[in-house]
C-alpha cells in the first residue's frame, strides 16, 4: 500500500493502531512513520502518519 501511495504521489498516509500492537508499531517506526498518541480518544489509539 505504501508503494502504491508513493507511486501516486500521495504525500500523507494515516493508520490508526491499538497501543498493544507492539510489533506493528515497531515496524511502522522503522519504516519512518511518525507516531502520535490520540489523547482526545478514550480508546488509547495511536495515529501513524507517513
N, C-alpha and C. Protein backbone atom coordinates (compact mmCIF):
# COMPACT_ATOMS: atom_id res chain seq x y z
N UNK A 1 0.82 -1.17 0.00
CA UNK A 1 0.00 0.00 0.00
C UNK A 1 0.88 1.26 0.00
N UNK A 2 1.96 1.23 0.77
CA UNK A 2 2.85 2.38 0.83
C UNK A 2 3.47 2.66 -0.53
N UNK A 3 3.89 1.62 -1.21
CA UNK A 3 4.49 1.80 -2.54
C UNK A 3 3.49 2.37 -3.53
N UNK A 4 2.25 1.95 -3.46
CA UNK A 4 1.21 2.48 -4.34
C UNK A 4 1.00 3.96 -4.06
N UNK A 5 0.95 4.34 -2.79
CA UNK A 5 0.78 5.74 -2.42
C UNK A 5 1.95 6.58 -2.93
N UNK A 6 3.16 6.07 -2.78
CA UNK A 6 4.33 6.79 -3.28
C UNK A 6 4.27 6.95 -4.79
N UNK A 7 3.89 5.90 -5.49
CA UNK A 7 3.80 5.96 -6.95
C UNK A 7 2.76 6.98 -7.41
N UNK A 8 1.70 7.15 -6.64
CA UNK A 8 0.64 8.10 -6.98
C UNK A 8 0.90 9.48 -6.40
N UNK A 9 2.09 9.67 -5.80
CA UNK A 9 2.50 10.97 -5.24
C UNK A 9 1.62 11.42 -4.08
N UNK A 10 1.05 10.45 -3.36
CA UNK A 10 0.29 10.77 -2.16
C UNK A 10 1.29 11.10 -1.07
N UNK A 11 1.16 12.28 -0.46
CA UNK A 11 2.15 12.77 0.48
C UNK A 11 1.94 12.28 1.91
N UNK A 12 0.70 12.00 2.29
CA UNK A 12 0.43 11.59 3.67
C UNK A 12 -0.45 10.35 3.68
N UNK A 13 -0.06 9.38 4.47
CA UNK A 13 -0.80 8.15 4.67
C UNK A 13 -1.01 7.99 6.17
N UNK A 14 -2.23 7.75 6.59
CA UNK A 14 -2.54 7.60 8.00
C UNK A 14 -2.97 6.18 8.32
N UNK A 15 -2.65 5.74 9.52
CA UNK A 15 -3.12 4.46 10.04
C UNK A 15 -3.46 4.66 11.51
N UNK A 16 -4.48 3.99 11.99
CA UNK A 16 -4.85 4.03 13.40
C UNK A 16 -4.57 2.65 13.96
N UNK A 17 -3.88 2.60 15.09
CA UNK A 17 -3.41 1.33 15.63
C UNK A 17 -3.66 1.26 17.13
N UNK A 18 -4.03 0.09 17.60
CA UNK A 18 -4.15 -0.12 19.05
C UNK A 18 -2.77 -0.10 19.69
N UNK A 19 -2.65 0.45 20.88
CA UNK A 19 -1.33 0.57 21.52
C UNK A 19 -0.69 -0.77 21.88
N UNK A 20 -1.46 -1.84 21.99
CA UNK A 20 -0.88 -3.14 22.34
C UNK A 20 -0.38 -3.91 21.12
N UNK A 21 -0.46 -3.32 19.95
CA UNK A 21 0.03 -3.94 18.72
C UNK A 21 1.50 -3.55 18.54
N UNK A 22 2.34 -3.99 19.45
CA UNK A 22 3.74 -3.57 19.53
C UNK A 22 4.54 -3.89 18.27
N UNK A 23 4.34 -5.05 17.71
CA UNK A 23 5.11 -5.43 16.51
C UNK A 23 4.82 -4.49 15.34
N UNK A 24 3.55 -4.22 15.13
CA UNK A 24 3.19 -3.34 14.01
C UNK A 24 3.67 -1.92 14.25
N UNK A 25 3.57 -1.43 15.47
CA UNK A 25 4.04 -0.09 15.79
C UNK A 25 5.54 0.00 15.59
N UNK A 26 6.28 -1.00 16.02
CA UNK A 26 7.73 -1.01 15.83
C UNK A 26 8.07 -1.00 14.34
N UNK A 27 7.35 -1.82 13.56
CA UNK A 27 7.57 -1.87 12.11
C UNK A 27 7.29 -0.50 11.48
N UNK A 28 6.21 0.12 11.87
CA UNK A 28 5.87 1.43 11.32
C UNK A 28 6.93 2.47 11.67
N UNK A 29 7.45 2.42 12.89
CA UNK A 29 8.53 3.34 13.28
C UNK A 29 9.75 3.11 12.40
N UNK A 30 10.10 1.86 12.18
CA UNK A 30 11.26 1.53 11.35
C UNK A 30 11.07 1.98 9.91
N UNK A 31 9.82 2.04 9.46
CA UNK A 31 9.51 2.47 8.09
C UNK A 31 9.43 3.98 7.97
N UNK A 32 9.57 4.69 9.09
CA UNK A 32 9.59 6.15 9.04
C UNK A 32 8.29 6.83 9.40
N UNK A 33 7.31 6.09 9.89
CA UNK A 33 6.06 6.71 10.29
C UNK A 33 6.25 7.52 11.57
N UNK A 34 5.57 8.65 11.66
CA UNK A 34 5.51 9.43 12.90
C UNK A 34 4.39 8.83 13.75
N UNK A 35 4.65 8.69 15.04
CA UNK A 35 3.68 8.08 15.96
C UNK A 35 3.13 9.16 16.88
N UNK A 36 1.80 9.26 16.94
CA UNK A 36 1.14 10.23 17.81
C UNK A 36 0.10 9.50 18.64
N UNK A 37 0.13 9.69 19.96
CA UNK A 37 -0.88 9.12 20.84
C UNK A 37 -2.11 10.01 20.79
N UNK A 38 -3.27 9.44 20.53
CA UNK A 38 -4.51 10.22 20.43
C UNK A 38 -5.07 10.45 21.82
N UNK A 39 -4.65 11.53 22.45
CA UNK A 39 -5.04 11.84 23.83
C UNK A 39 -6.53 12.12 23.96
N UNK A 40 -7.13 12.68 22.93
CA UNK A 40 -8.55 13.01 22.99
C UNK A 40 -9.44 11.78 22.87
N UNK A 41 -8.86 10.69 22.42
CA UNK A 41 -9.61 9.46 22.19
C UNK A 41 -9.50 8.56 23.41
N UNK A 42 -10.58 8.21 24.01
CA UNK A 42 -10.56 7.40 25.23
C UNK A 42 -10.12 5.97 24.99
N UNK A 43 -10.06 5.55 23.74
CA UNK A 43 -9.68 4.18 23.43
C UNK A 43 -8.17 3.96 23.52
N UNK A 44 -7.37 5.03 23.49
CA UNK A 44 -5.92 4.90 23.58
C UNK A 44 -5.26 4.53 22.28
N UNK A 45 -5.86 4.85 21.16
CA UNK A 45 -5.28 4.53 19.85
C UNK A 45 -4.06 5.39 19.55
N UNK A 46 -3.21 4.89 18.66
CA UNK A 46 -2.10 5.66 18.12
C UNK A 46 -2.45 6.03 16.69
N UNK A 47 -2.04 7.22 16.28
CA UNK A 47 -2.16 7.64 14.89
C UNK A 47 -0.77 7.59 14.28
N UNK A 48 -0.63 6.90 13.17
CA UNK A 48 0.65 6.80 12.47
C UNK A 48 0.51 7.53 11.14
N UNK A 49 1.48 8.34 10.82
CA UNK A 49 1.44 9.05 9.54
C UNK A 49 2.79 8.99 8.87
N UNK A 50 2.76 8.97 7.55
CA UNK A 50 3.97 8.88 6.76
C UNK A 50 3.91 9.92 5.67
